[in-house]
Amino acid sequence: MKLEFIKKLGLGMMALVTVVTSAYAGNPDRRGQAGGTELLMVPWARSAGWLGVNTSTVRGLEAERMNVAGLAFTKGTELNFSRTTWLSGTDIYINAFGLAQKLNESSSLAFTVMSIDMGAIQITTTENPDGGLGTYKPSFSNIGISYAKSFSDRIHGGATVRVISQSISDVSAQGVAFDAGIQYVTGPKDAVKFGISLRNVGTPMVFGGDGLSARGTMQGNTVALTLSQRSQQFELPSLMNIGASYDFYPLGVDDYRLTAAGNFTSNSFTNDQYGVGLEFSWKNIFAIRTGYQYENNLIGGEFVRQNVYTGFNAGFSIDAPFNKSNFGLDYAFRSTNPFGGTHLFGIRYSL
């Protein structure tokens, strides 16, 4: 019975991959037409440390973003908080919080919140272009609920439902996105891992509100009228990740692990990306990682970079196990040009 369910899950996932990639991927005419691009940001420091190439290896709460199947490896209760200085110099910050709970021997549930802090912006009008009318704060946030299950000691799968909200004082847009993923583990010491995930497949969004209306009088008419403008709806930045990794034990003992990972990202509205990364871990107490990402951006016979990120990432983690609990600190850096790079700081607690 379990084998039949696994087969059906695999076939369903393959069918969804086929539909999404045939509908969206590989169409350069669609570049730049998606909204909700905050869904492409990685708020968790460990994953960002090697550019999210950990589609096949991500474990615990962080898996809700890269490949939700890894949530099935949650051991008990896990709390994460992350603070990101996004593109240093822009005064934009990303806050993320998550709670994951193991439900039974094979399944786990997670709740996550991500919010972007853009600070206060001056209100301006055509009559007052210099401001002086006060300020407003844009609100970009999303809330996700994730569920993952281990169908065997080799195959793990999961799904996420994410509610998206974007708003200013008088205009807003809401939407719903779905993620799904599968991980497969095999080989001696489970050293060989494969993963595939679909992200941000969901409903179109459209802005609405009083900010799209204007009140005035037509020439030759004294009656005040309200003119409402229609906003064009936009799609979410759906994508597909395919990743693989291998664990090496260079000294022949489990205390020292070197993981090599690779990942291909098929983006619906931006260039496809290829990423590679390395992570070295010592006794699961200290880990250092790095990654490099290349974009397929050959235009007119010349390579033109269309991303602020230059491709290089690095990060580290420190874990302090205590009895049956664990406290961890994470840091990651993403190089950019221009701006001063993106810095991510994370705190983890599990028991």
C-alpha atoms as a PDB file:
ATOM      1  CA  MET A   1       0.000   0.000   0.000  1.00  0.00           C
ATOM      2  CA  LYS A   2       2.801   2.408   0.907  1.00  0.00           C
ATOM      3  CA  LEU A   3       4.671   1.555  -2.313  1.00  0.00           C
ATOM      4  CA  GLU A   4       1.582   2.305  -4.389  1.00  0.00           C
ATOM      5  CA  PHE A   5       1.192   5.680  -2.657  1.00  0.00           C
ATOM      6  CA  ILE A   6       4.839   6.534  -3.333  1.00  0.00           C
ATOM      7  CA  LYS A   7       4.400   5.668  -7.002  1.00  0.00           C
ATOM      8  CA  LYS A   8       1.308   7.862  -7.259  1.00  0.00           C
ATOM      9  CA  LEU A   9       3.110  10.724  -5.521  1.00  0.00           C
ATOM     10  CA  GLY A  10       6.056  10.428  -7.901  1.00  0.00           C
ATOM     11  CA  LEU A  11       3.820  10.344 -10.972  1.00  0.00           C
ATOM     12  CA  GLY A  12       1.843  13.338  -9.703  1.00  0.00           C
ATOM     13  CA  MET A  13       5.030  15.302  -9.118  1.00  0.00           C
ATOM     14  CA  MET A  14       6.351  14.467 -12.592  1.00  0.00           C
ATOM     15  CA  ALA A  15       3.069  15.550 -14.149  1.00  0.00           C
ATOM     16  CA  LEU A  16       3.158  18.854 -12.254  1.00  0.00           C
ATOM     17  CA  VAL A  17       6.765  19.429 -13.367  1.00  0.00           C
ATOM     18  CA  THR A  18       5.778  18.807 -16.976  1.00  0.00           C
ATOM     19  CA  VAL A  19       2.833  21.216 -16.812  1.00  0.00           C
ATOM     20  CA  VAL A  20       4.760  24.035 -15.116  1.00  0.00           C
ATOM     21  CA  THR A  21       7.883  23.818 -17.265  1.00  0.00           C
ATOM     22  CA  SER A  22       5.962  23.555 -20.526  1.00  0.00           C
ATOM     23  CA  ALA A  23       3.734  26.483 -19.578  1.00  0.00           C
ATOM     24  CA  TYR A  24       6.388  28.880 -18.311  1.00  0.00           C
ATOM     25  CA  ALA A  25      10.031  27.920 -18.651  1.00  0.00           C
ATOM     26  CA  GLY A  26      12.260  28.836 -21.536  1.00  0.00           C
ATOM     27  CA  ASN A  27      10.320  31.879 -22.713  1.00  0.00           C
ATOM     28  CA  PRO A  28      12.578  34.975 -22.753  1.00  0.00           C
ATOM     29  CA  ASP A  29       9.613  37.185 -23.689  1.00  0.00           C
ATOM     30  CA  ARG A  30       8.227  36.707 -20.161  1.00  0.00           C
ATOM     31  CA  ARG A  31      11.310  38.030 -18.341  1.00  0.00           C
ATOM     32  CA  GLY A  32      10.548  40.811 -15.900  1.00  0.00           C
ATOM     33  CA  GLN A  33       6.764  40.350 -16.050  1.00  0.00           C
ATOM     34  CA  ALA A  34       6.274  38.581 -12.699  1.00  0.00           C
ATOM     35  CA  GLY A  35       5.494  40.191  -9.363  1.00  0.00           C
ATOM     36  CA  GLY A  36       5.879  38.936  -5.829  1.00  0.00           C
ATOM     37  CA  THR A  37       9.619  38.611  -6.367  1.00  0.00           C
ATOM     38  CA  GLU A  38      10.217  38.634  -2.606  1.00  0.00           C
ATOM     39  CA  LEU A  39       9.324  34.938  -2.864  1.00  0.00           C
ATOM     40  CA  LEU A  40      12.705  34.434  -4.570  1.00  0.00           C
ATOM     41  CA  MET A  41      14.612  35.812  -1.564  1.00  0.00           C
ATOM     42  CA  VAL A  42      16.242  33.262   0.746  1.00  0.00           C
ATOM     43  CA  PRO A  43      15.716  34.434   4.352  1.00  0.00           C
ATOM     44  CA  TRP A  44      17.592  31.574   6.073  1.00  0.00           C
ATOM     45  CA  ALA A  45      21.346  31.978   6.562  1.00  0.00           C
ATOM     46  CA  ARG A  46      22.399  28.327   6.233  1.00  0.00           C
ATOM     47  CA  SER A  47      20.707  27.923   2.852  1.00  0.00           C
ATOM     48  CA  ALA A  48      21.916  31.326   1.628  1.00  0.00           C
ATOM     49  CA  GLY A  49      25.502  30.458   2.609  1.00  0.00           C
ATOM     50  CA  TRP A  50      25.822  28.215  -0.417  1.00  0.00           C
ATOM     51  CA  LEU A  51      23.295  29.880  -2.681  1.00  0.00           C
ATOM     52  CA  GLY A  52      20.404  27.513  -2.067  1.00  0.00           C
ATOM     53  CA  VAL A  53      22.093  24.666  -3.948  1.00  0.00           C
ATOM     54  CA  ASN A  54      20.947  22.428  -1.066  1.00  0.00           C
ATOM     55  CA  THR A  55      17.728  21.311  -2.758  1.00  0.00           C
ATOM     56  CA  SER A  56      18.721  17.706  -2.051  1.00  0.00           C
ATOM     57  CA  THR A  57      20.319  18.192   1.388  1.00  0.00           C
ATOM     58  CA  VAL A  58      18.309  20.866   3.234  1.00  0.00           C
ATOM     59  CA  ARG A  59      16.881  19.605   6.516  1.00  0.00           C
ATOM     60  CA  GLY A  60      14.528  20.903   9.200  1.00  0.00           C
ATOM     61  CA  LEU A  61      12.670  24.198   9.233  1.00  0.00           C
ATOM     62  CA  GLU A  62      14.788  25.870   6.512  1.00  0.00           C
ATOM     63  CA  ALA A  63      13.506  23.275   4.061  1.00  0.00           C
ATOM     64  CA  GLU A  64      10.157  25.086   3.878  1.00  0.00           C
ATOM     65  CA  ARG A  65      11.761  27.570   1.476  1.00  0.00           C
ATOM     66  CA  MET A  66      14.176  25.523  -0.682  1.00  0.00           C
ATOM     67  CA  ASN A  67      12.618  22.042  -0.702  1.00  0.00           C
ATOM     68  CA  VAL A  68       9.846  21.365   1.782  1.00  0.00           C
ATOM     69  CA  ALA A  69      10.514  17.602   1.663  1.00  0.00           C
ATOM     70  CA  GLY A  70      13.475  18.143   4.010  1.00  0.00           C
ATOM     71  CA  LEU A  71      11.071  19.254   6.734  1.00  0.00           C
ATOM     72  CA  ALA A  72      10.375  15.549   7.303  1.00  0.00           C
ATOM     73  CA  PHE A  73      13.817  15.290   8.987  1.00  0.00           C
ATOM     74  CA  THR A  74      12.745  17.556  11.880  1.00  0.00           C
ATOM     75  CA  LYS A  75      13.753  15.742  15.063  1.00  0.00           C
ATOM     76  CA  GLY A  76      11.532  17.501  17.611  1.00  0.00           C
ATOM     77  CA  THR A  77      10.712  21.186  18.015  1.00  0.00           C
ATOM     78  CA  GLU A  78      12.727  23.764  16.079  1.00  0.00           C
ATOM     79  CA  LEU A  79      12.645  27.568  16.300  1.00  0.00           C
ATOM     80  CA  ASN A  80      14.405  29.841  13.783  1.00  0.00           C
ATOM     81  CA  PHE A  81      14.831  33.584  13.582  1.00  0.00           C
ATOM     82  CA  SER A  82      16.733  35.374  10.830  1.00  0.00           C
ATOM     83  CA  ARG A  83      17.620  39.018  10.154  1.00  0.00           C
ATOM     84  CA  THR A  84      18.887  40.051   6.727  1.00  0.00           C
ATOM     85  CA  THR A  85      20.553  43.300   5.697  1.00  0.00           C
ATOM     86  CA  TRP A  86      19.464  43.225   2.077  1.00  0.00           C
ATOM     87  CA  LEU A  87      21.778  45.037  -0.357  1.00  0.00           C
ATOM     88  CA  SER A  88      23.745  47.009   2.245  1.00  0.00           C
ATOM     89  CA  GLY A  89      23.210  50.722   1.741  1.00  0.00           C
ATOM     90  CA  THR A  90      19.528  50.489   0.807  1.00  0.00           C
ATOM     91  CA  ASP A  91      18.307  50.359   4.438  1.00  0.00           C
ATOM     92  CA  ILE A  92      16.068  47.414   3.601  1.00  0.00           C
ATOM     93  CA  TYR A  93      15.849  44.489   6.031  1.00  0.00           C
ATOM     94  CA  ILE A  94      14.211  41.063   5.968  1.00  0.00           C
ATOM     95  CA  ASN A  95      12.906  39.398   9.118  1.00  0.00           C
ATOM     96  CA  ALA A  96      11.923  35.731   9.173  1.00  0.00           C
ATOM     97  CA  PHE A  97      10.585  33.509  11.933  1.00  0.00           C
ATOM     98  CA  GLY A  98       9.623  29.858  11.883  1.00  0.00           C
ATOM     99  CA  LEU A  99       8.421  27.043  14.120  1.00  0.00           C
ATOM    100  CA  ALA A 100       8.627  23.377  13.133  1.00  0.00           C
ATOM    101  CA  GLN A 101       7.206  20.452  15.102  1.00  0.00           C
ATOM    102  CA  LYS A 102       7.610  16.727  14.568  1.00  0.00           C
ATOM    103  CA  LEU A 103       4.125  15.180  14.710  1.00  0.00           C
ATOM    104  CA  ASN A 104       5.051  11.494  14.743  1.00  0.00           C
ATOM    105  CA  GLU A 105       7.764   9.157  13.485  1.00  0.00           C
ATOM    106  CA  SER A 106       7.217  10.080   9.844  1.00  0.00           C
ATOM    107  CA  SER A 107       5.652  13.558   9.553  1.00  0.00           C
ATOM    108  CA  SER A 108       6.307  17.171  10.568  1.00  0.00           C
ATOM    109  CA  LEU A 109       4.480  20.503  10.440  1.00  0.00           C
ATOM    110  CA  ALA A 110       5.901  24.040  10.195  1.00  0.00           C
ATOM    111  CA  PHE A 111       4.683  27.631  10.409  1.00  0.00           C
ATOM    112  CA  THR A 112       6.800  30.489   8.985  1.00  0.00           C
ATOM    113  CA  VAL A 113       6.535  34.256   8.596  1.00  0.00           C
ATOM    114  CA  MET A 114       8.700  36.496   6.398  1.00  0.00           C
ATOM    115  CA  SER A 115       8.453  40.293   6.377  1.00  0.00           C
ATOM    116  CA  ILE A 116      10.404  43.000   4.541  1.00  0.00           C
ATOM    117  CA  ASP A 117      11.129  46.262   6.367  1.00  0.00           C
ATOM    118  CA  MET A 118      11.610  49.119   3.883  1.00  0.00           C
ATOM    119  CA  GLY A 119      11.415  51.917   6.438  1.00  0.00           C
ATOM    120  CA  ALA A 120       9.333  55.079   6.067  1.00  0.00           C
ATOM    121  CA  ILE A 121       8.870  56.823   2.694  1.00  0.00           C
ATOM    122  CA  GLN A 122       7.827  60.454   2.217  1.00  0.00           C
ATOM    123  CA  ILE A 123       4.315  61.052   0.854  1.00  0.00           C
ATOM    124  CA  THR A 124       4.417  63.217  -2.281  1.00  0.00           C
ATOM    125  CA  THR A 125       1.751  64.531  -4.640  1.00  0.00           C
ATOM    126  CA  THR A 126       1.787  66.545  -7.863  1.00  0.00           C
ATOM    127  CA  GLU A 127       1.080  69.641  -5.781  1.00  0.00           C
ATOM    128  CA  ASN A 128       3.707  68.736  -3.141  1.00  0.00           C
ATOM    129  CA  PRO A 129       6.534  66.925  -4.965  1.00  0.00           C
ATOM    130  CA  ASP A 130       8.978  67.646  -2.108  1.00  0.00           C
ATOM    131  CA  GLY A 131       6.861  65.872   0.497  1.00  0.00           C
ATOM    132  CA  GLY A 132       6.092  67.338   3.885  1.00  0.00           C
ATOM    133  CA  LEU A 133       2.781  65.478   4.071  1.00  0.00           C
ATOM    134  CA  GLY A 134       3.955  62.685   6.322  1.00  0.00           C
ATOM    135  CA  THR A 135       5.262  59.192   5.591  1.00  0.00           C
ATOM    136  CA  TYR A 136       4.001  55.700   4.827  1.00  0.00           C
ATOM    137  CA  LYS A 137       5.504  52.229   5.219  1.00  0.00           C
ATOM    138  CA  PRO A 138       5.201  49.559   2.504  1.00  0.00           C
ATOM    139  CA  SER A 139       4.347  46.111   3.832  1.00  0.00           C
ATOM    140  CA  PHE A 140       5.633  43.001   2.041  1.00  0.00           C
ATOM    141  CA  SER A 141       5.001  39.760   3.919  1.00  0.00           C
ATOM    142  CA  ASN A 142       4.116  36.113   3.464  1.00  0.00           C
ATOM    143  CA  ILE A 143       2.936  33.398   5.841  1.00  0.00           C
ATOM    144  CA  GLY A 144       3.461  29.706   5.129  1.00  0.00           C
ATOM    145  CA  ILE A 145       2.164  26.425   6.533  1.00  0.00           C
ATOM    146  CA  SER A 146       4.184  23.351   5.541  1.00  0.00           C
ATOM    147  CA  TYR A 147       3.704  19.620   5.938  1.00  0.00           C
ATOM    148  CA  ALA A 148       6.224  16.900   5.137  1.00  0.00           C
ATOM    149  CA  LYS A 149       6.222  13.124   5.453  1.00  0.00           C
ATOM    150  CA  SER A 150       8.763  10.303   5.162  1.00  0.00           C
ATOM    151  CA  PHE A 151       7.212   7.572   3.034  1.00  0.00           C
ATOM    152  CA  SER A 152      10.207   5.311   3.630  1.00  0.00           C
ATOM    153  CA  ASP A 153      13.795   5.687   4.810  1.00  0.00           C
ATOM    154  CA  ARG A 154      14.639   6.705   1.220  1.00  0.00           C
ATOM    155  CA  ILE A 155      11.778   8.865  -0.043  1.00  0.00           C
ATOM    156  CA  HIS A 156      10.477  12.051   1.579  1.00  0.00           C
ATOM    157  CA  GLY A 157       7.928  14.564   0.314  1.00  0.00           C
ATOM    158  CA  GLY A 158       6.106  17.685   1.401  1.00  0.00           C
ATOM    159  CA  ALA A 159       3.996  20.700   0.443  1.00  0.00           C
ATOM    160  CA  THR A 160       3.579  24.334   1.502  1.00  0.00           C
ATOM    161  CA  VAL A 161       0.685  26.774   1.257  1.00  0.00           C
ATOM    162  CA  ARG A 162       1.857  30.383   1.406  1.00  0.00           C
ATOM    163  CA  VAL A 163      -0.300  33.524   1.706  1.00  0.00           C
ATOM    164  CA  ILE A 164       1.297  36.635   0.147  1.00  0.00           C
ATOM    165  CA  SER A 165       0.481  40.244   0.975  1.00  0.00           C
ATOM    166  CA  GLN A 166       1.815  43.497  -0.491  1.00  0.00           C
ATOM    167  CA  SER A 167       0.431  46.860   0.560  1.00  0.00           C
ATOM    168  CA  ILE A 168       0.915  50.559   1.149  1.00  0.00           C
ATOM    169  CA  SER A 169      -1.556  52.849   2.920  1.00  0.00           C
ATOM    170  CA  ASP A 170      -4.198  52.826   0.186  1.00  0.00           C
ATOM    171  CA  VAL A 171      -3.280  50.054  -2.293  1.00  0.00           C
ATOM    172  CA  SER A 172      -2.823  46.338  -1.656  1.00  0.00           C
ATOM    173  CA  ALA A 173      -2.614  42.936  -3.320  1.00  0.00           C
ATOM    174  CA  GLN A 174      -2.961  39.405  -1.956  1.00  0.00           C
ATOM    175  CA  GLY A 175      -2.301  35.955  -3.361  1.00  0.00           C
ATOM    176  CA  VAL A 176      -1.705  32.302  -2.542  1.00  0.00           C
ATOM    177  CA  ALA A 177       1.300  30.222  -3.607  1.00  0.00           C
ATOM    178  CA  PHE A 178       1.988  26.497  -3.390  1.00  0.00           C
ATOM    179  CA  ASP A 179       5.310  24.673  -3.049  1.00  0.00           C
ATOM    180  CA  ALA A 180       5.973  20.948  -3.334  1.00  0.00           C
ATOM    181  CA  GLY A 181       9.112  18.846  -3.146  1.00  0.00           C
ATOM    182  CA  ILE A 182      10.608  15.369  -3.037  1.00  0.00           C
ATOM    183  CA  GLN A 183      13.958  14.132  -1.719  1.00  0.00           C
ATOM    184  CA  TYR A 184      15.541  10.740  -2.342  1.00  0.00           C
ATOM    185  CA  VAL A 185      18.398   9.384  -0.229  1.00  0.00           C
ATOM    186  CA  THR A 186      20.561   6.359  -1.058  1.00  0.00           C
ATOM    187  CA  GLY A 187      24.095   4.959  -0.908  1.00  0.00           C
ATOM    188  CA  PRO A 188      26.378   4.030   2.011  1.00  0.00           C
ATOM    189  CA  LYS A 189      25.744   6.312   5.015  1.00  0.00           C
ATOM    190  CA  ASP A 190      22.987   7.943   2.910  1.00  0.00           C
ATOM    191  CA  ALA A 191      25.743   9.840   1.122  1.00  0.00           C
ATOM    192  CA  VAL A 192      23.897  10.241  -2.198  1.00  0.00           C
ATOM    193  CA  LYS A 193      20.936  12.611  -2.252  1.00  0.00           C
ATOM    194  CA  PHE A 194      18.612  13.895  -4.951  1.00  0.00           C
ATOM    195  CA  GLY A 195      15.929  16.544  -4.721  1.00  0.00           C
ATOM    196  CA  ILE A 196      13.349  18.282  -6.856  1.00  0.00           C
ATOM    197  CA  SER A 197      11.068  21.135  -5.826  1.00  0.00           C
ATOM    198  CA  LEU A 198       8.444  23.381  -7.377  1.00  0.00           C
ATOM    199  CA  ARG A 199       8.004  26.802  -5.838  1.00  0.00           C
ATOM    200  CA  ASN A 200       5.625  29.748  -6.126  1.00  0.00           C
ATOM    201  CA  VAL A 201       2.956  28.085  -8.238  1.00  0.00           C
ATOM    202  CA  GLY A 202      -0.216  29.959  -7.434  1.00  0.00           C
ATOM    203  CA  THR A 203      -2.903  32.497  -8.142  1.00  0.00           C
ATOM    204  CA  PRO A 204      -2.299  35.739 -10.086  1.00  0.00           C
ATOM    205  CA  MET A 205      -2.265  38.904  -7.994  1.00  0.00           C
ATOM    206  CA  VAL A 206      -3.722  42.322  -8.720  1.00  0.00           C
ATOM    207  CA  PHE A 207      -3.495  45.629  -6.864  1.00  0.00           C
ATOM    208  CA  GLY A 208      -6.617  47.448  -5.753  1.00  0.00           C
ATOM    209  CA  GLY A 209      -7.727  50.156  -3.328  1.00  0.00           C
ATOM    210  CA  ASP A 210      -8.508  53.844  -2.941  1.00  0.00           C
ATOM    211  CA  GLY A 211      -5.045  54.772  -4.206  1.00  0.00           C
ATOM    212  CA  LEU A 212      -6.143  53.816  -7.717  1.00  0.00           C
ATOM    213  CA  SER A 213      -9.074  56.273  -7.642  1.00  0.00           C
ATOM    214  CA  ALA A 214      -9.119  60.005  -8.268  1.00  0.00           C
ATOM    215  CA  ARG A 215     -11.947  62.481  -7.677  1.00  0.00           C
ATOM    216  CA  GLY A 216     -12.515  65.585  -9.773  1.00  0.00           C
ATOM    217  CA  THR A 217     -14.819  67.452 -12.146  1.00  0.00           C
ATOM    218  CA  MET A 218     -14.896  67.259 -15.931  1.00  0.00           C
ATOM    219  CA  GLN A 219     -14.594  70.396 -18.029  1.00  0.00           C
ATOM    220  CA  GLY A 220     -17.939  72.119 -18.299  1.00  0.00           C
ATOM    221  CA  ASN A 221     -19.442  70.027 -15.494  1.00  0.00           C
ATOM    222  CA  THR A 222     -19.797  70.974 -11.832  1.00  0.00           C
ATOM    223  CA  VAL A 223     -20.593  67.465 -10.584  1.00  0.00           C
ATOM    224  CA  ALA A 224     -17.640  65.707  -8.911  1.00  0.00           C
ATOM    225  CA  LEU A 225     -16.870  62.271 -10.317  1.00  0.00           C
ATOM    226  CA  THR A 226     -14.656  59.452  -9.116  1.00  0.00           C
ATOM    227  CA  LEU A 227     -12.364  57.834 -11.673  1.00  0.00           C
ATOM    228  CA  SER A 228     -11.109  54.359 -10.804  1.00  0.00           C
ATOM    229  CA  GLN A 229      -8.160  52.890 -12.655  1.00  0.00           C
ATOM    230  CA  ARG A 230      -7.774  49.190 -13.287  1.00  0.00           C
ATOM    231  CA  SER A 231      -4.527  47.500 -12.332  1.00  0.00           C
ATOM    232  CA  GLN A 232      -3.047  44.778 -14.516  1.00  0.00           C
ATOM    233  CA  GLN A 233      -2.810  41.422 -12.762  1.00  0.00           C
ATOM    234  CA  PHE A 234       0.573  39.702 -12.549  1.00  0.00           C
ATOM    235  CA  GLU A 235       1.852  36.150 -12.128  1.00  0.00           C
ATOM    236  CA  LEU A 236       4.017  34.771  -9.340  1.00  0.00           C
ATOM    237  CA  PRO A 237       7.700  33.937 -10.058  1.00  0.00           C
ATOM    238  CA  SER A 238       7.277  30.159 -10.290  1.00  0.00           C
ATOM    239  CA  LEU A 239      10.396  28.016 -10.625  1.00  0.00           C
ATOM    240  CA  MET A 240      11.680  24.464 -10.475  1.00  0.00           C
ATOM    241  CA  ASN A 241      14.820  23.269  -8.649  1.00  0.00           C
ATOM    242  CA  ILE A 242      16.658  20.041  -9.434  1.00  0.00           C
ATOM    243  CA  GLY A 243      19.590  19.202  -7.157  1.00  0.00           C
ATOM    244  CA  ALA A 244      21.997  16.448  -6.199  1.00  0.00           C
ATOM    245  CA  SER A 245      24.747  16.059  -3.612  1.00  0.00           C
ATOM    246  CA  TYR A 246      27.328  13.619  -2.291  1.00  0.00           C
ATOM    247  CA  ASP A 247      28.852  13.346   1.185  1.00  0.00           C
ATOM    248  CA  PHE A 248      32.578  12.616   1.458  1.00  0.00           C
ATOM    249  CA  TYR A 249      34.324  11.515   4.647  1.00  0.00           C
ATOM    250  CA  PRO A 250      37.965  12.358   3.834  1.00  0.00           C
ATOM    251  CA  LEU A 251      39.429  10.973   7.074  1.00  0.00           C
ATOM    252  CA  GLY A 252      37.251   7.881   7.113  1.00  0.00           C
ATOM    253  CA  VAL A 253      35.259   8.971  10.184  1.00  0.00           C
ATOM    254  CA  ASP A 254      31.859  10.626  10.530  1.00  0.00           C
ATOM    255  CA  ASP A 255      33.311  13.589  12.478  1.00  0.00           C
ATOM    256  CA  TYR A 256      34.590  15.196   9.277  1.00  0.00           C
ATOM    257  CA  ARG A 257      32.163  15.572   6.375  1.00  0.00           C
ATOM    258  CA  LEU A 258      32.583  17.339   3.043  1.00  0.00           C
ATOM    259  CA  THR A 259      29.439  17.735   0.942  1.00  0.00           C
ATOM    260  CA  ALA A 260      29.515  18.684  -2.734  1.00  0.00           C
ATOM    261  CA  ALA A 261      26.202  19.876  -4.170  1.00  0.00           C
ATOM    262  CA  GLY A 262      24.890  21.058  -7.499  1.00  0.00           C
ATOM    263  CA  ASN A 263      21.588  22.629  -8.479  1.00  0.00           C
ATOM    264  CA  PHE A 264      19.724  23.728 -11.610  1.00  0.00           C
ATOM    265  CA  THR A 265      16.965  26.327 -11.359  1.00  0.00           C
ATOM    266  CA  SER A 266      14.474  26.730 -14.182  1.00  0.00           C
ATOM    267  CA  ASN A 267      12.888  30.161 -13.730  1.00  0.00           C
ATOM    268  CA  SER A 268       9.648  31.108 -15.425  1.00  0.00           C
ATOM    269  CA  PHE A 269      10.334  34.846 -15.626  1.00  0.00           C
ATOM    270  CA  THR A 270      14.112  35.242 -15.252  1.00  0.00           C
ATOM    271  CA  ASN A 271      17.258  33.558 -16.526  1.00  0.00           C
ATOM    272  CA  ASP A 272      17.887  29.915 -15.676  1.00  0.00           C
ATOM    273  CA  GLN A 273      20.599  29.409 -13.058  1.00  0.00           C
ATOM    274  CA  TYR A 274      23.270  26.796 -12.347  1.00  0.00           C
ATOM    275  CA  GLY A 275      24.800  26.554  -8.893  1.00  0.00           C
ATOM    276  CA  VAL A 276      27.541  24.540  -7.180  1.00  0.00           C
ATOM    277  CA  GLY A 277      28.543  24.531  -3.539  1.00  0.00           C
ATOM    278  CA  LEU A 278      30.715  22.926  -0.865  1.00  0.00           C
ATOM    279  CA  GLU A 279      30.074  22.475   2.837  1.00  0.00           C
ATOM    280  CA  PHE A 280      32.580  21.210   5.402  1.00  0.00           C
ATOM    281  CA  SER A 281      31.306  20.068   8.797  1.00  0.00           C
ATOM    282  CA  TRP A 282      33.214  19.106  11.948  1.00  0.00           C
ATOM    283  CA  LYS A 283      31.259  16.954  14.414  1.00  0.00           C
ATOM    284  CA  ASN A 284      28.078  18.808  13.482  1.00  0.00           C
ATOM    285  CA  ILE A 285      29.353  21.625  15.704  1.00  0.00           C
ATOM    286  CA  PHE A 286      31.053  23.869  13.177  1.00  0.00           C
ATOM    287  CA  ALA A 287      30.304  24.132   9.466  1.00  0.00           C
ATOM    288  CA  ILE A 288      31.610  26.384   6.732  1.00  0.00           C
ATOM    289  CA  ARG A 289      30.113  26.588   3.261  1.00  0.00           C
ATOM    290  CA  THR A 290      30.484  28.426  -0.025  1.00  0.00           C
ATOM    291  CA  GLY A 291      28.743  28.489  -3.369  1.00  0.00           C
ATOM    292  CA  TYR A 292      28.816  29.994  -6.835  1.00  0.00           C
ATOM    293  CA  GLN A 293      25.904  30.621  -9.174  1.00  0.00           C
ATOM    294  CA  TYR A 294      25.962  31.131 -12.926  1.00  0.00           C
ATOM    295  CA  GLU A 295      23.125  32.578 -14.976  1.00  0.00           C
ATOM    296  CA  ASN A 296      22.314  31.599 -18.521  1.00  0.00           C
ATOM    297  CA  ASN A 297      22.519  35.172 -19.796  1.00  0.00           C
ATOM    298  CA  LEU A 298      23.985  34.960 -23.285  1.00  0.00           C
ATOM    299  CA  ILE A 299      22.366  37.817 -25.215  1.00  0.00           C
ATOM    300  CA  GLY A 300      23.290  38.644 -28.780  1.00  0.00           C
ATOM    301  CA  GLY A 301      26.518  36.647 -28.496  1.00  0.00           C
ATOM    302  CA  GLU A 302      27.631  38.511 -25.347  1.00  0.00           C
ATOM    303  CA  PHE A 303      27.250  37.695 -21.665  1.00  0.00           C
ATOM    304  CA  VAL A 304      25.154  40.366 -19.955  1.00  0.00           C
ATOM    305  CA  ARG A 305      24.630  40.104 -16.198  1.00  0.00           C
ATOM    306  CA  GLN A 306      21.012  40.879 -15.318  1.00  0.00           C
ATOM    307  CA  ASN A 307      21.294  40.292 -11.582  1.00  0.00           C
ATOM    308  CA  VAL A 308      22.739  42.451  -8.806  1.00  0.00           C
ATOM    309  CA  TYR A 309      24.342  39.341  -7.304  1.00  0.00           C
ATOM    310  CA  THR A 310      27.771  38.511  -8.704  1.00  0.00           C
ATOM    311  CA  GLY A 311      27.450  34.793  -7.980  1.00  0.00           C
ATOM    312  CA  PHE A 312      29.691  34.231  -4.926  1.00  0.00           C
ATOM    313  CA  ASN A 313      28.341  33.280  -1.491  1.00  0.00           C
ATOM    314  CA  ALA A 314      29.873  32.078   1.780  1.00  0.00           C
ATOM    315  CA  GLY A 315      28.744  31.358   5.322  1.00  0.00           C
ATOM    316  CA  PHE A 316      29.280  29.408   8.509  1.00  0.00           C
ATOM    317  CA  SER A 317      27.331  27.860  11.389  1.00  0.00           C
ATOM    318  CA  ILE A 318      28.171  27.171  15.024  1.00  0.00           C
ATOM    319  CA  ASP A 319      26.085  24.703  17.040  1.00  0.00           C
ATOM    320  CA  ALA A 320      26.187  24.255  20.807  1.00  0.00           C
ATOM    321  CA  PRO A 321      24.481  20.996  21.818  1.00  0.00           C
ATOM    322  CA  PHE A 322      23.257  20.863  25.422  1.00  0.00           C
ATOM    323  CA  ASN A 323      21.609  17.709  26.777  1.00  0.00           C
ATOM    324  CA  LYS A 324      18.779  17.029  24.311  1.00  0.00           C
ATOM    325  CA  SER A 325      18.615  20.581  22.957  1.00  0.00           C
ATOM    326  CA  ASN A 326      20.754  22.582  20.535  1.00  0.00           C
ATOM    327  CA  PHE A 327      21.485  26.278  20.078  1.00  0.00           C
ATOM    328  CA  GLY A 328      22.897  27.473  16.764  1.00  0.00           C
ATOM    329  CA  LEU A 329      24.219  30.668  15.170  1.00  0.00           C
ATOM    330  CA  ASP A 330      24.360  31.164  11.396  1.00  0.00           C
ATOM    331  CA  TYR A 331      25.869  33.793   9.108  1.00  0.00           C
ATOM    332  CA  ALA A 332      25.931  34.160   5.326  1.00  0.00           C
ATOM    333  CA  PHE A 333      27.205  36.752   2.850  1.00  0.00           C
ATOM    334  CA  ARG A 334      26.107  37.258  -0.764  1.00  0.00           C
ATOM    335  CA  SER A 335      28.320  39.468  -2.916  1.00  0.00           C
ATOM    336  CA  THR A 336      26.677  42.155  -5.065  1.00  0.00           C
ATOM    337  CA  ASN A 337      27.583  44.847  -7.561  1.00  0.00           C
ATOM    338  CA  PRO A 338      26.530  47.567  -6.871  1.00  0.00           C
ATOM    339  CA  PHE A 339      25.729  47.947  -3.138  1.00  0.00           C
ATOM    340  CA  GLY A 340      27.660  46.377  -0.280  1.00  0.00           C
ATOM    341  CA  GLY A 341      26.404  42.823  -0.437  1.00  0.00           C
ATOM    342  CA  THR A 342      23.680  41.030   1.510  1.00  0.00           C
ATOM    343  CA  HIS A 343      24.325  39.850   5.086  1.00  0.00           C
ATOM    344  CA  LEU A 344      22.184  37.222   6.822  1.00  0.00           C
ATOM    345  CA  PHE A 345      22.212  36.415  10.544  1.00  0.00           C
ATOM    346  CA  GLY A 346      20.291  33.527  12.053  1.00  0.00           C
ATOM    347  CA  ILE A 347      19.546  32.014  15.455  1.00  0.00           C
ATOM    348  CA  ARG A 348      18.251  28.442  15.876  1.00  0.00           C
ATOM    349  CA  TYR A 349      16.993  26.516  18.859  1.00  0.00           C
ATOM    350  CA  SER A 350      15.846  22.910  18.798  1.00  0.00           C
ATOM    351  CA  LEU A 351      14.809  20.394  21.424  1.00  0.00           C
END
